[in-house]
Amino acid sequence: MKKFEYQIISYPMDKKTSLIAMQDDLNARGREGWEVVSISSSEFAHLGHTAFLKREIAEGAGAK
């Protein structure tokens, strides 16, 4: 049976470049095997976003 580990990351939107920084961070995590499964935005986009990520745990390895 597959096993997964999860991360929840908050990205405050307080700068013009915040979306670019968010994209860069998510791309870096993607290279580490993380996959975005959902993003929740605040009612007011300038307050921020929360990203939910998962990655499969290799057989015999524990979650970090």
Protein backbone atom coordinates (compact mmCIF):
# COMPACT_ATOMS: atom_id res chain seq x y z
CA MET A 1 0.00 0.00 0.00
CA LYS A 2 1.27 3.46 -0.86
CA LYS A 3 2.05 5.82 2.00
CA PHE A 4 2.28 9.59 1.85
CA GLU A 5 3.59 12.50 3.86
CA TYR A 6 2.09 15.97 3.75
CA GLN A 7 3.11 19.62 4.07
CA ILE A 8 0.97 22.71 4.60
CA ILE A 9 2.60 25.98 3.56
CA SER A 10 1.28 29.53 3.94
CA TYR A 11 2.25 32.25 1.48
CA PRO A 12 1.37 35.80 2.54
CA MET A 13 0.71 38.08 -0.42
CA ASP A 14 2.32 41.30 0.72
CA LYS A 15 4.60 42.14 -2.22
CA LYS A 16 4.18 42.44 -5.98
CA THR A 17 6.61 39.56 -6.47
CA SER A 18 4.86 37.24 -3.99
CA LEU A 19 3.26 35.05 -6.69
CA ILE A 20 6.63 34.62 -8.40
CA ALA A 21 8.23 33.73 -5.06
CA MET A 22 5.40 31.25 -4.38
CA GLN A 23 5.89 29.66 -7.81
CA ASP A 24 9.66 29.41 -7.30
CA ASP A 25 9.17 27.77 -3.89
CA LEU A 26 6.60 25.28 -5.20
CA ASN A 27 8.86 24.41 -8.16
CA ALA A 28 11.75 23.75 -5.74
CA ARG A 29 9.52 21.49 -3.64
CA GLY A 30 8.33 19.74 -6.82
CA ARG A 31 11.94 18.85 -7.60
CA GLU A 32 12.03 17.21 -4.14
CA GLY A 33 9.02 15.06 -5.04
CA TRP A 34 6.26 17.20 -3.51
CA GLU A 35 2.98 17.61 -5.42
CA VAL A 36 0.43 20.37 -4.80
CA VAL A 37 -2.96 18.76 -4.17
CA SER A 38 -4.86 21.92 -3.24
CA ILE A 39 -4.49 25.66 -2.74
CA SER A 40 -6.79 27.72 -0.59
CA SER A 41 -6.94 31.48 -1.09
CA SER A 42 -8.23 33.97 1.40
CA GLU A 43 -11.37 35.88 0.53
CA PHE A 44 -9.07 38.83 -0.13
CA ALA A 45 -6.20 37.56 -2.31
CA HIS A 46 -3.70 40.03 -0.86
CA LEU A 47 -3.91 38.20 2.51
CA GLY A 48 -2.38 35.06 1.15
CA HIS A 49 -2.66 31.47 0.02
CA THR A 50 -2.22 28.13 1.73
CA ALA A 51 -0.83 25.22 -0.30
CA PHE A 52 -1.33 21.57 0.62
CA LEU A 53 1.33 19.19 -0.72
CA LYS A 54 1.96 15.46 -0.60
CA ARG A 55 4.64 13.04 -1.68
CA GLU A 56 4.91 9.31 -1.59
CA ILE A 57 7.08 7.79 1.11
CA ALA A 58 9.55 5.28 -0.30
CA GLU A 59 9.04 1.72 0.91
CA GLY A 60 10.91 1.20 4.17
CA ALA A 61 11.41 4.94 4.77
CA GLY A 62 9.76 6.93 7.53
CA ALA A 63 8.11 10.32 7.25
CA LYS A 64 10.35 13.33 7.88
